[in-house]
Amino acid sequence: MPWHEPPAPTHSPRRSSVVGSNERIWKVEQDMRRMHTTVAILGGGLAGLCVARRLQADGIDFILVDARERLGGRILSTNEEGLLSDDGFDLGPSWFWPDVQPDIASLVQELGLTTFPQYSSGDVVFERMSREPAWRCHPEPQTPQSMRIAGGTGALIAALAKGLPRNSVVNATRVTQLMINEGKVTLTTATAERSEGALVADQVVAAIPPRLLAEVAFFPGVEQSTAQRWQETATWMAPHAKFFAIYGRPFWREAGFSGTAQSFVGPMGEIHDATTASGKAALFGFLSVGADLRASIGEAALATSCLAQLARLYGPDALHSRATLFKDWAADPFTATAQDRSASGHPHPSAAPWIAGVWQNRLSLCSSETSAIEPGFMAGAVSAGHRAAREVMQRLNGRGAESAQ
């Protein structure tokens, strides 16, 4: 793919790089050296929070452990300074399609969240080669309609977390080992300060990508075929990076553009209007430059090139951004492994079990990648989370029935 570093823009906009978490939403001041719960949930993204919500509704106690200092996982909405915001830009996923994704549509409605359509009025731009000008066309209306959540998808996380007991969520804590011991599962935990603790649970739900789960030590070990499948499952979002340019007004709309563009020149391969429901004007793009090349080029040069590309497509006003945001998910250790640095396609749906052997009655997987119907989408995280909650409750009910006999 042709890619050339252009000259610097005529000003220096404020630039924010979102590398990891920047604010703690939940902080539990309890002793993690030895804790007990019925269900331990690994991961506080959309799937893990859906599990927690279902368990709470059924009166089942749980502790959710997340390695980040925030909840949300790959859902991250920030302001133009890169800080968590209730009216933010989506550095992770942004869209859902209620017409064909009923689980997430129902959840959004239950939580009382406001939605709005992805802006698509106006012309689409195509950039095929660097030696020829981009061309514009007027497409047919999109079907089904992409929808967004007012405030950003972070509003979905905030709404799910709001009703959870504060002492049920532990942040900034990794799970390093799972061990079956006397009919229960002992989870070894660690913090950034290297302090080690333990959590004992009857059931475990892993709401983290399979590749990250493969890095956790299991005693007894999982079957080789299971471990291989986890390692071979591509992690949604992990190879990608998103760039945002934030403006004082949506000048591209004034010129008859939708903000949607596709480019074989780069550095962004796909561009969209990212203006918020409150009217904060922005464009964003997925970088088509690979993770290793992004790291060698550097964020500053990439930002300069992205602004220059927007200027090629939408005119010189694009150079005058108020701020820029950059999130490289491949550089996020709580999302990506070394295997995720190269794009390997979208996860494929499968109804095959994700765990077998001695662990199959104690562990459920429910990251979006494990969804049987919508892997790699927010809808997949919701459906997988609901499925895992059902599995856990069925196992707990079965245990209770056996104890009563």
Protein backbone atom coordinates (compact mmCIF):
# COMPACT_ATOMS: atom_id res chain seq x y z
CA MET A 1 0.00 0.00 0.00
CA PRO A 2 1.49 3.41 -0.92
CA TRP A 3 2.16 5.57 2.07
CA HIS A 4 4.22 8.72 2.25
CA GLU A 5 4.82 11.04 5.17
CA PRO A 6 3.43 14.46 4.17
CA PRO A 7 4.60 17.87 5.35
CA ALA A 8 3.49 18.97 8.81
CA PRO A 9 0.19 20.84 9.16
CA THR A 10 0.16 24.56 9.69
CA HIS A 11 -0.50 24.28 13.44
CA SER A 12 0.00 21.89 16.34
CA PRO A 13 -3.33 20.61 17.66
CA ARG A 14 -3.57 19.12 21.11
CA ARG A 15 -2.85 15.42 20.77
CA SER A 16 -3.90 12.70 23.17
CA SER A 17 -2.65 9.15 23.08
CA VAL A 18 -4.83 6.67 24.91
CA VAL A 19 -2.51 3.80 25.70
CA GLY A 20 -4.26 2.28 28.67
CA SER A 21 -6.59 3.22 31.46
CA ASN A 22 -6.51 6.73 32.86
CA GLU A 23 -9.13 6.81 35.57
CA ARG A 24 -10.33 4.36 38.18
CA ILE A 25 -14.10 3.90 38.13
CA TRP A 26 -14.27 1.35 40.93
CA LYS A 27 -11.76 0.88 43.70
CA VAL A 28 -12.28 -1.81 46.30
CA GLU A 29 -10.36 -1.32 49.52
CA GLN A 30 -10.83 -4.87 50.73
CA ASP A 31 -8.17 -7.47 51.43
CA MET A 32 -7.55 -9.59 48.34
CA ARG A 33 -5.25 -12.01 50.14
CA ARG A 34 -8.14 -14.44 50.59
CA MET A 35 -11.69 -13.88 49.37
CA HIS A 36 -14.62 -16.20 48.74
CA THR A 37 -17.52 -15.91 46.30
CA THR A 38 -19.95 -18.09 44.41
CA VAL A 39 -18.90 -16.86 40.96
CA ALA A 40 -15.65 -15.19 39.92
CA ILE A 41 -15.80 -13.15 36.71
CA LEU A 42 -12.55 -12.40 34.86
CA GLY A 43 -12.91 -9.19 32.88
CA GLY A 44 -15.12 -6.13 33.27
CA GLY A 45 -15.92 -5.44 29.64
CA LEU A 46 -19.39 -5.64 28.15
CA ALA A 47 -19.62 -9.43 28.40
CA GLY A 48 -18.43 -9.60 32.00
CA LEU A 49 -20.81 -6.85 33.08
CA CYS A 50 -23.71 -8.63 31.38
CA VAL A 51 -22.87 -11.75 33.38
CA ALA A 52 -22.69 -9.73 36.59
CA ARG A 53 -26.04 -8.09 35.90
CA ARG A 54 -27.77 -11.43 35.32
CA LEU A 55 -26.23 -13.01 38.42
CA GLN A 56 -27.21 -10.05 40.57
CA ALA A 57 -30.79 -10.27 39.30
CA ASP A 58 -30.87 -13.92 40.42
CA GLY A 59 -29.38 -13.16 43.83
CA ILE A 60 -26.07 -14.94 43.15
CA ASP A 61 -23.02 -13.35 44.72
CA PHE A 62 -20.00 -12.70 42.54
CA ILE A 63 -16.71 -10.85 42.39
CA LEU A 64 -15.60 -9.33 39.10
CA VAL A 65 -11.84 -8.91 38.68
CA ASP A 66 -10.39 -6.70 35.97
CA ALA A 67 -6.74 -5.98 35.14
CA ARG A 68 -7.50 -2.42 34.09
CA GLU A 69 -8.12 0.50 36.42
CA ARG A 70 -11.43 1.05 34.65
CA LEU A 71 -14.34 -1.02 33.47
CA GLY A 72 -15.28 -1.43 29.82
CA GLY A 73 -12.50 -3.52 28.29
CA ARG A 74 -12.37 -2.67 24.61
CA ILE A 75 -15.19 -0.16 25.04
CA LEU A 76 -13.57 3.19 25.75
CA SER A 77 -15.16 6.62 25.36
CA THR A 78 -13.02 9.68 26.10
CA ASN A 79 -13.07 13.42 25.74
CA GLU A 80 -10.64 15.22 23.45
CA GLU A 81 -7.98 15.09 26.17
CA GLY A 82 -8.12 11.31 26.28
CA LEU A 83 -9.89 11.13 29.65
CA LEU A 84 -12.95 9.01 30.36
CA SER A 85 -16.10 10.97 29.63
CA ASP A 86 -19.86 10.58 29.73
CA ASP A 87 -19.97 12.47 26.43
CA GLY A 88 -17.02 10.96 24.66
CA PHE A 89 -15.58 9.70 21.41
CA ASP A 90 -15.53 5.92 20.94
CA LEU A 91 -11.94 4.72 20.73
CA GLY A 92 -13.24 1.17 20.69
CA PRO A 93 -16.48 -0.08 19.09
CA SER A 94 -19.15 2.47 18.28
CA TRP A 95 -21.94 0.89 16.25
CA PHE A 96 -24.66 -1.65 16.71
CA TRP A 97 -27.50 -2.72 14.42
CA PRO A 98 -30.76 -3.13 16.37
CA ASP A 99 -32.69 -4.44 13.37
CA VAL A 100 -30.52 -7.58 13.26
CA GLN A 101 -29.03 -7.66 16.79
CA PRO A 102 -31.97 -8.05 19.18
CA ASP A 103 -29.93 -8.90 22.31
CA ILE A 104 -28.03 -5.63 22.43
CA ALA A 105 -31.04 -3.69 21.19
CA SER A 106 -33.07 -5.00 24.13
CA LEU A 107 -30.26 -4.26 26.58
CA VAL A 108 -29.90 -0.68 25.40
CA GLN A 109 -33.64 -0.20 25.72
CA GLU A 110 -33.77 -1.79 29.21
CA LEU A 111 -31.03 0.55 30.39
CA GLY A 112 -32.89 3.57 29.04
CA LEU A 113 -30.06 4.74 26.81
CA THR A 114 -30.59 7.20 23.98
CA THR A 115 -29.43 6.18 20.51
CA PHE A 116 -28.94 8.01 17.24
CA PRO A 117 -28.08 6.93 13.67
CA GLN A 118 -24.58 7.04 12.29
CA TYR A 119 -24.41 10.12 10.07
CA SER A 120 -24.46 9.06 6.43
CA SER A 121 -26.10 11.92 4.52
CA GLY A 122 -23.95 13.12 1.67
CA ASP A 123 -21.26 11.80 -0.62
CA VAL A 124 -18.78 9.00 0.03
CA VAL A 125 -15.15 9.46 -1.04
CA PHE A 126 -12.92 6.79 -2.63
CA GLU A 127 -9.16 7.11 -2.85
CA ARG A 128 -7.71 4.43 -5.08
CA MET A 129 -4.16 5.51 -5.93
CA SER A 130 -1.82 8.27 -4.81
CA ARG A 131 -1.26 9.44 -8.39
CA GLU A 132 -4.93 10.16 -9.06
CA PRO A 133 -7.42 12.40 -7.25
CA ALA A 134 -10.03 10.92 -4.95
CA TRP A 135 -13.52 10.67 -6.36
CA ARG A 136 -16.90 11.05 -4.72
CA CYS A 137 -20.24 9.36 -5.24
CA HIS A 138 -23.67 9.38 -3.67
CA PRO A 139 -24.50 5.91 -2.33
CA GLU A 140 -27.82 4.27 -1.59
CA PRO A 141 -29.06 4.55 2.02
CA GLN A 142 -27.40 2.07 4.36
CA THR A 143 -29.38 -1.02 5.34
CA PRO A 144 -29.52 -1.99 8.13
CA GLN A 145 -28.95 1.34 9.81
CA SER A 146 -25.87 1.65 12.04
CA MET A 147 -26.78 3.13 15.40
CA ARG A 148 -24.70 4.84 18.08
CA ILE A 149 -25.28 5.51 21.76
CA ALA A 150 -25.54 9.07 23.00
CA GLY A 151 -22.55 9.82 25.23
CA GLY A 152 -20.54 7.07 23.54
CA THR A 153 -20.57 3.33 24.10
CA GLY A 154 -19.02 4.07 27.48
CA ALA A 155 -22.55 5.05 28.53
CA LEU A 156 -23.50 1.40 28.14
CA ILE A 157 -20.69 0.36 30.49
CA ALA A 158 -21.58 3.06 33.02
CA ALA A 159 -25.24 2.02 33.03
CA LEU A 160 -24.38 -1.65 33.57
CA ALA A 161 -21.88 -0.86 36.33
CA LYS A 162 -24.13 1.60 38.10
CA GLY A 163 -26.37 -1.03 39.67
CA LEU A 164 -23.63 -3.40 40.84
CA PRO A 165 -22.62 -3.64 44.51
CA ARG A 166 -19.45 -1.61 44.96
CA ASN A 167 -17.69 -4.39 46.86
CA SER A 168 -18.27 -6.82 44.00
CA VAL A 169 -15.78 -5.22 41.56
CA VAL A 170 -11.99 -5.29 41.90
CA ASN A 171 -9.89 -3.28 39.44
CA ALA A 172 -6.16 -3.14 38.66
CA THR A 173 -5.85 -6.83 39.50
CA ARG A 174 -4.78 -9.65 37.17
CA VAL A 175 -5.65 -13.31 37.49
CA THR A 176 -2.51 -15.35 36.90
CA GLN A 177 -3.58 -18.87 37.83
CA LEU A 178 -6.68 -21.06 38.19
CA MET A 179 -6.48 -24.20 40.31
CA ILE A 180 -9.15 -26.75 41.20
CA ASN A 181 -8.84 -27.52 44.89
CA GLU A 182 -11.34 -29.46 47.03
CA GLY A 183 -14.17 -28.99 44.57
CA LYS A 184 -13.68 -25.23 44.21
CA VAL A 185 -11.53 -23.01 42.04
CA THR A 186 -8.74 -20.93 43.56
CA LEU A 187 -7.78 -17.90 41.50
CA THR A 188 -4.34 -16.43 42.14
CA THR A 189 -4.33 -12.67 41.64
CA ALA A 190 -1.63 -10.04 41.33
CA THR A 191 -1.52 -6.25 41.25
CA ALA A 192 0.93 -3.81 39.71
CA GLU A 193 2.65 -3.62 43.08
CA ARG A 194 3.24 -7.39 42.73
CA SER A 195 1.15 -8.16 45.82
CA GLU A 196 -0.42 -11.59 45.47
CA GLY A 197 -3.85 -12.68 46.62
CA ALA A 198 -6.36 -15.47 46.20
CA LEU A 199 -10.03 -15.67 45.35
CA VAL A 200 -11.95 -18.91 45.92
CA ALA A 201 -15.09 -19.52 43.82
CA ASP A 202 -17.53 -22.28 42.97
CA GLN A 203 -17.74 -21.16 39.35
CA VAL A 204 -15.58 -19.05 37.05
CA VAL A 205 -16.57 -17.01 34.00
CA ALA A 206 -13.76 -15.82 31.73
CA ALA A 207 -14.94 -12.68 29.96
CA ILE A 208 -11.54 -12.00 28.38
CA PRO A 209 -10.33 -12.90 24.89
CA PRO A 210 -9.31 -16.56 24.52
CA ARG A 211 -5.72 -15.61 23.69
CA LEU A 212 -5.41 -13.73 26.99
CA LEU A 213 -6.99 -16.63 28.85
CA ALA A 214 -4.38 -18.93 27.29
CA GLU A 215 -1.73 -16.96 29.21
CA VAL A 216 -3.31 -17.92 32.56
CA ALA A 217 -1.86 -21.00 34.25
CA PHE A 218 -4.35 -23.86 34.78
CA PHE A 219 -4.00 -26.67 37.32
CA PRO A 220 -4.89 -29.20 36.15
CA GLY A 221 -4.08 -28.05 32.64
CA VAL A 222 -6.69 -27.66 29.93
CA GLU A 223 -6.70 -30.11 27.05
CA GLN A 224 -4.18 -29.41 24.29
CA SER A 225 -6.92 -29.00 21.67
CA THR A 226 -8.62 -26.42 23.89
CA ALA A 227 -5.44 -24.44 24.48
CA GLN A 228 -4.68 -24.49 20.76
CA ARG A 229 -8.13 -23.21 19.88
CA TRP A 230 -7.81 -20.35 22.35
CA GLN A 231 -4.44 -19.36 20.93
CA GLU A 232 -5.71 -19.52 17.35
CA THR A 233 -8.77 -17.34 17.99
CA ALA A 234 -8.13 -13.84 16.71
CA THR A 235 -8.91 -11.08 19.20
CA TRP A 236 -11.45 -8.56 17.99
CA MET A 237 -10.00 -5.00 17.78
CA ALA A 238 -6.53 -6.14 18.87
CA PRO A 239 -4.58 -5.47 15.62
CA HIS A 240 -6.25 -2.12 14.98
CA ALA A 241 -5.67 1.54 15.74
CA LYS A 242 -8.10 4.45 15.53
CA PHE A 243 -7.32 8.10 14.89
CA PHE A 244 -9.71 10.97 15.68
CA ALA A 245 -9.55 14.57 14.50
CA ILE A 246 -11.82 16.87 16.50
CA TYR A 247 -13.05 20.15 15.00
CA GLY A 248 -15.03 23.24 15.89
CA ARG A 249 -17.65 22.43 13.25
CA PRO A 250 -18.45 19.57 10.82
CA PHE A 251 -17.18 21.39 7.74
CA TRP A 252 -17.36 18.26 5.57
CA ARG A 253 -21.12 18.13 6.02
CA GLU A 254 -21.35 21.73 4.83
CA ALA A 255 -19.55 20.63 1.65
CA GLY A 256 -21.97 17.75 1.06
CA PHE A 257 -19.80 14.92 2.38
CA SER A 258 -21.02 12.19 4.71
CA GLY A 259 -17.60 11.81 6.28
CA THR A 260 -17.35 8.23 5.00
CA ALA A 261 -14.31 7.38 2.90
CA GLN A 262 -12.35 4.36 1.75
CA SER A 263 -8.70 4.61 0.81
CA PHE A 264 -6.05 2.34 -0.67
CA VAL A 265 -3.47 5.10 -0.15
CA GLY A 266 -3.61 5.52 3.62
CA PRO A 267 -2.60 5.85 6.28
CA MET A 268 -6.29 5.39 7.13
CA GLY A 269 -8.16 2.78 5.12
CA GLU A 270 -11.65 3.57 6.35
CA ILE A 271 -12.97 6.91 7.61
CA HIS A 272 -16.28 7.95 9.18
CA ASP A 273 -18.06 10.87 10.78
CA ALA A 274 -17.57 10.63 14.57
CA THR A 275 -19.60 13.69 15.58
CA THR A 276 -21.27 13.07 18.94
CA ALA A 277 -24.98 13.29 19.69
CA SER A 278 -24.24 16.55 21.54
CA GLY A 279 -22.71 18.02 18.39
CA LYS A 280 -18.95 17.74 19.02
CA ALA A 281 -17.60 17.52 15.47
CA ALA A 282 -15.06 14.83 14.61
CA LEU A 283 -13.82 12.44 11.96
CA PHE A 284 -12.18 9.12 12.74
CA GLY A 285 -10.40 6.45 10.79
CA PHE A 286 -9.05 2.94 11.12
CA LEU A 287 -5.37 2.89 10.26
CA SER A 288 -4.41 0.46 7.51
CA VAL A 289 -0.76 0.64 8.61
CA GLY A 290 0.25 -2.54 10.45
CA ALA A 291 1.07 -2.57 14.17
CA ASP A 292 4.83 -2.98 13.76
CA LEU A 293 5.04 -0.21 11.18
CA ARG A 294 2.89 2.05 13.36
CA ALA A 295 5.31 1.53 16.23
CA SER A 296 8.32 2.38 14.06
CA ILE A 297 6.72 5.47 12.50
CA GLY A 298 5.53 6.90 15.80
CA GLU A 299 2.32 8.54 16.86
CA ALA A 300 3.31 12.12 15.97
CA ALA A 301 4.16 11.29 12.36
CA LEU A 302 1.02 9.18 12.01
CA ALA A 303 -1.16 12.01 13.31
CA THR A 304 0.43 14.41 10.84
CA SER A 305 -0.19 11.99 7.99
CA CYS A 306 -3.78 11.31 9.01
CA LEU A 307 -4.57 15.02 9.05
CA ALA A 308 -2.96 15.42 5.65
CA GLN A 309 -5.08 12.57 4.30
CA LEU A 310 -8.25 14.20 5.64
CA ALA A 311 -7.17 17.43 3.92
CA ARG A 312 -6.75 15.54 0.62
CA LEU A 313 -10.26 14.18 0.94
CA TYR A 314 -12.18 17.07 2.52
CA GLY A 315 -10.11 20.20 1.96
CA PRO A 316 -7.67 22.35 3.95
CA ASP A 317 -10.06 22.88 6.86
CA ALA A 318 -9.17 19.34 7.92
CA LEU A 319 -5.67 20.49 8.89
CA HIS A 320 -7.08 22.77 11.58
CA SER A 321 -8.25 20.28 14.19
CA ARG A 322 -8.82 21.34 17.78
CA ALA A 323 -7.35 18.10 19.06
CA THR A 324 -6.52 14.57 17.96
CA LEU A 325 -6.88 11.21 19.65
CA PHE A 326 -4.99 8.02 18.90
CA LYS A 327 -5.64 4.57 20.33
CA ASP A 328 -3.49 1.65 19.26
CA TRP A 329 -5.16 -1.50 20.55
CA ALA A 330 -2.18 -3.62 19.52
CA ALA A 331 -0.14 -1.75 22.14
CA ASP A 332 -2.69 -2.46 24.88
CA PRO A 333 -1.43 -5.43 26.95
CA PHE A 334 -4.91 -6.07 28.36
CA THR A 335 -6.26 -6.54 24.82
CA ALA A 336 -3.54 -7.85 22.54
CA THR A 337 -0.89 -10.55 22.61
CA ALA A 338 2.10 -10.83 20.28
CA GLN A 339 -0.05 -13.01 18.00
CA ASP A 340 -2.52 -10.16 17.56
CA ARG A 341 -0.10 -7.70 16.00
CA SER A 342 -1.02 -8.85 12.50
CA ALA A 343 -4.61 -8.81 11.31
CA SER A 344 -6.05 -12.29 10.94
CA GLY A 345 -9.64 -11.64 9.95
CA HIS A 346 -12.91 -11.48 11.83
CA PRO A 347 -13.79 -14.19 14.36
CA HIS A 348 -16.03 -16.92 12.95
CA PRO A 349 -19.18 -18.05 14.78
CA SER A 350 -19.07 -21.53 16.23
CA ALA A 351 -21.34 -23.50 18.54
CA ALA A 352 -18.52 -25.88 19.53
CA PRO A 353 -17.73 -25.91 23.29
CA TRP A 354 -14.87 -23.64 24.37
CA ILE A 355 -13.85 -25.84 27.28
CA ALA A 356 -13.75 -29.60 27.89
CA GLY A 357 -12.50 -32.12 30.41
CA VAL A 358 -12.29 -31.43 34.11
CA TRP A 359 -12.89 -27.69 33.64
CA GLN A 360 -16.14 -27.89 31.67
CA ASN A 361 -18.33 -27.90 34.80
CA ARG A 362 -16.46 -25.05 36.48
CA LEU A 363 -15.54 -22.58 33.73
CA SER A 364 -17.46 -20.67 31.04
CA LEU A 365 -15.97 -18.42 28.36
CA CYS A 366 -17.94 -15.40 27.19
CA SER A 367 -15.83 -12.81 25.40
CA SER A 368 -17.31 -11.57 22.14
CA GLU A 369 -15.08 -13.98 20.21
CA THR A 370 -16.93 -16.93 21.79
CA SER A 371 -20.40 -15.85 20.68
CA ALA A 372 -22.17 -18.39 18.48
CA ILE A 373 -24.04 -15.68 16.56
CA GLU A 374 -22.20 -12.33 16.60
CA PRO A 375 -18.49 -12.86 17.34
CA GLY A 376 -16.43 -9.69 17.11
CA PHE A 377 -19.33 -7.32 17.76
CA MET A 378 -20.76 -5.73 20.89
CA ALA A 379 -23.86 -7.81 20.23
CA GLY A 380 -21.67 -10.91 20.47
CA ALA A 381 -20.40 -9.84 23.89
CA VAL A 382 -23.98 -9.40 25.12
CA SER A 383 -25.21 -12.75 23.79
CA ALA A 384 -22.13 -14.60 25.06
CA GLY A 385 -22.45 -12.98 28.48
CA HIS A 386 -26.10 -13.99 28.76
CA ARG A 387 -25.25 -17.53 27.65
CA ALA A 388 -22.47 -17.83 30.24
CA ALA A 389 -24.78 -16.59 33.00
CA ARG A 390 -27.31 -19.27 32.06
CA GLU A 391 -24.60 -21.95 32.10
CA VAL A 392 -23.43 -20.90 35.55
CA MET A 393 -26.93 -20.79 37.01
CA GLN A 394 -27.74 -24.20 35.56
CA ARG A 395 -24.60 -25.69 37.12
CA LEU A 396 -25.31 -24.06 40.47
CA ASN A 397 -28.92 -25.25 40.42
CA GLY A 398 -27.75 -28.76 39.54
CA ARG A 399 -25.33 -28.73 42.44
CA GLY A 400 -28.11 -27.63 44.78
CA ALA A 401 -30.40 -30.39 43.55
CA GLU A 402 -27.68 -32.99 44.08
CA SER A 403 -27.01 -31.71 47.63
CA ALA A 404 -30.70 -32.01 48.48
CA GLN A 405 -30.84 -35.70 47.55
